[in-house]
Amino acid sequence: MELNIRKYINEDYDSLIELWRISSLPCRPRGRDRKEELVRQIKLDCSIFLVAEAEGMLVGSLFGTHDGRKGWINRLAVHPDFQRQNIGTKLVEEVEKLFKKAEIGIFACLIEEGNEISKRVFQKFGYKVFKGISYCTKRVYEDV
């Protein structure tokens, strides 16, 4: 299988939303995941939005962002028919490479309580579960 990892473009939107749905990744297409919002986000210097293509279809995604000192990995998804083929690994390696190029030396991800599969995946990538931080959030709108 030939795999192509590249930056997300606006024309990927419908395929991306379908990938997230089929991968059971929570999606808010009327909120933070609406097309106009992704158009805005990919223009930001701190955004590294990647997709993986194989066999003419979108089979993986990973959105990376950073604040100048810490890189955040979000929205890692791999199509169920293409899992266990190192697509997730290659996406994570690519975003880490781009973080390093931007002189970002700390990589992190947030995983919701009970999502043991994601915890195991990221531990396989060398990430350690950090205890002792409470994540607080304030939302302007429910779908953000």
Foldseek 3Di string as FASTA:
>chain_A
DDKDKDFDDLVCLVLLVVQCVQQVNDDQCVFCSPSVNVVVVVVDPFWGWMFMDDPHGTFWIWIWGDDLAEIEIDDTTGRPVCPPVCPSVVVVVVVVVVCVVSVHDHYYYDDDPPPVVVVVVVVVVVDDDDPDDDDDDDDPDPSD
